[in-house]
């Protein structure tokens, strides 16, 4: 079964308040088996637009990735982020098919 992923681009506008979100989201992420693959590391943008923080979070499967988003624990954490950062987030199913 393919894994599920959150892929996000974030521009933090209030770093002190954003730290509250970072701490609060840990509860939901632990509950749903989230694993950071990318977390605000170095990057280049050879094409298109970017934000200062990029994330890729892996979940056991797509349904779990969606469930984490919908979870009250995550939505409470998300409320702490609103107005403190601009975020683009997609939730996507991984690919388990043949590779080139």
Protein backbone atom coordinates (compact mmCIF):
# COMPACT_ATOMS: atom_id res chain seq x y z
CA UNK A 1 0.00 0.00 0.00
CA UNK A 2 1.43 3.42 -0.93
CA UNK A 3 2.35 5.83 1.82
CA UNK A 4 0.69 9.22 2.23
CA UNK A 5 2.51 12.54 2.28
CA UNK A 6 2.00 16.13 3.30
CA UNK A 7 4.02 18.46 1.08
CA UNK A 8 4.14 22.01 2.33
CA UNK A 9 5.73 25.36 1.64
CA UNK A 10 5.66 27.83 4.51
CA UNK A 11 6.59 31.47 5.05
CA UNK A 12 6.67 32.22 8.78
CA UNK A 13 5.55 35.77 9.58
CA UNK A 14 5.61 35.56 13.41
CA UNK A 15 8.41 33.21 14.54
CA UNK A 16 7.63 33.40 18.26
CA UNK A 17 3.97 32.49 17.80
CA UNK A 18 4.86 29.85 15.18
CA UNK A 19 6.84 27.97 17.84
CA UNK A 20 3.56 27.35 19.68
CA UNK A 21 2.18 25.65 16.56
CA UNK A 22 5.32 23.54 16.17
CA UNK A 23 4.99 22.27 19.74
CA UNK A 24 1.23 21.67 19.52
CA UNK A 25 1.27 19.70 16.26
CA UNK A 26 3.56 17.05 17.78
CA UNK A 27 0.60 15.38 19.51
CA UNK A 28 -1.27 14.72 16.25
CA UNK A 29 1.87 13.76 14.38
CA UNK A 30 2.80 11.16 17.01
CA UNK A 31 -0.75 9.77 17.05
CA UNK A 32 -0.84 9.33 13.25
CA UNK A 33 2.73 8.07 12.74
CA UNK A 34 4.05 11.15 10.93
CA UNK A 35 7.71 11.12 9.94
CA UNK A 36 9.53 14.20 8.62
CA UNK A 37 11.48 13.52 5.44
CA UNK A 38 12.16 17.20 4.74
CA UNK A 39 12.00 19.89 7.41
CA UNK A 40 13.21 23.36 6.42
CA UNK A 41 16.62 22.25 5.14
CA UNK A 42 18.74 23.90 2.50
CA UNK A 43 17.09 24.32 -0.89
CA UNK A 44 17.33 25.95 -4.30
CA UNK A 45 14.46 27.00 -6.53
CA UNK A 46 15.59 26.40 -10.11
CA UNK A 47 12.09 27.06 -11.43
CA UNK A 48 8.84 28.55 -10.13
CA UNK A 49 8.08 30.13 -6.76
CA UNK A 50 9.23 29.09 -3.31
CA UNK A 51 8.82 29.91 0.35
CA UNK A 52 11.50 29.92 3.04
CA UNK A 53 10.45 26.59 4.63
CA UNK A 54 9.68 23.35 2.80
CA UNK A 55 8.35 20.18 4.40
CA UNK A 56 7.62 16.62 3.37
CA UNK A 57 5.94 14.48 6.02
CA UNK A 58 5.39 10.76 5.48
CA UNK A 59 2.41 8.82 6.87
CA UNK A 60 1.76 5.06 6.82
CA UNK A 61 -0.81 5.55 4.03
CA UNK A 62 -2.95 8.17 2.31
CA UNK A 63 -5.98 7.59 4.56
CA UNK A 64 -3.84 8.22 7.65
CA UNK A 65 -2.43 11.42 6.12
CA UNK A 66 -6.00 12.67 5.58
CA UNK A 67 -7.08 11.54 9.04
CA UNK A 68 -4.26 13.50 10.67
CA UNK A 69 -5.36 16.66 8.85
CA UNK A 70 -8.94 16.17 10.01
CA UNK A 71 -7.99 15.25 13.58
CA UNK A 72 -9.10 17.65 16.32
CA UNK A 73 -5.54 17.58 17.70
CA UNK A 74 -4.13 18.88 14.43
CA UNK A 75 -6.89 21.41 13.83
CA UNK A 76 -6.27 22.88 17.30
CA UNK A 77 -2.57 23.19 16.46
CA UNK A 78 -3.37 24.65 13.04
CA UNK A 79 -5.44 27.38 14.67
CA UNK A 80 -2.24 28.52 16.41
CA UNK A 81 -0.51 28.84 13.01
CA UNK A 82 -3.22 30.84 11.24
CA UNK A 83 -2.13 34.44 10.85
CA UNK A 84 1.43 33.53 11.92
CA UNK A 85 2.53 31.91 8.65
CA UNK A 86 1.46 31.55 5.04
CA UNK A 87 1.23 27.88 4.09
CA UNK A 88 0.58 25.91 0.92
CA UNK A 89 -0.11 22.25 1.70
CA UNK A 90 -1.05 19.28 -0.44
CA UNK A 91 -1.82 15.80 0.81
CA UNK A 92 -0.83 13.21 -1.75
CA UNK A 93 -0.74 9.45 -2.13
CA UNK A 94 2.69 7.97 -2.78
CA UNK A 95 3.60 5.89 -5.81
CA UNK A 96 4.41 2.19 -5.53
CA UNK A 97 4.56 1.37 -9.25
CA UNK A 98 7.45 0.54 -11.53
CA UNK A 99 10.40 2.90 -11.71
CA UNK A 100 12.39 3.89 -14.78
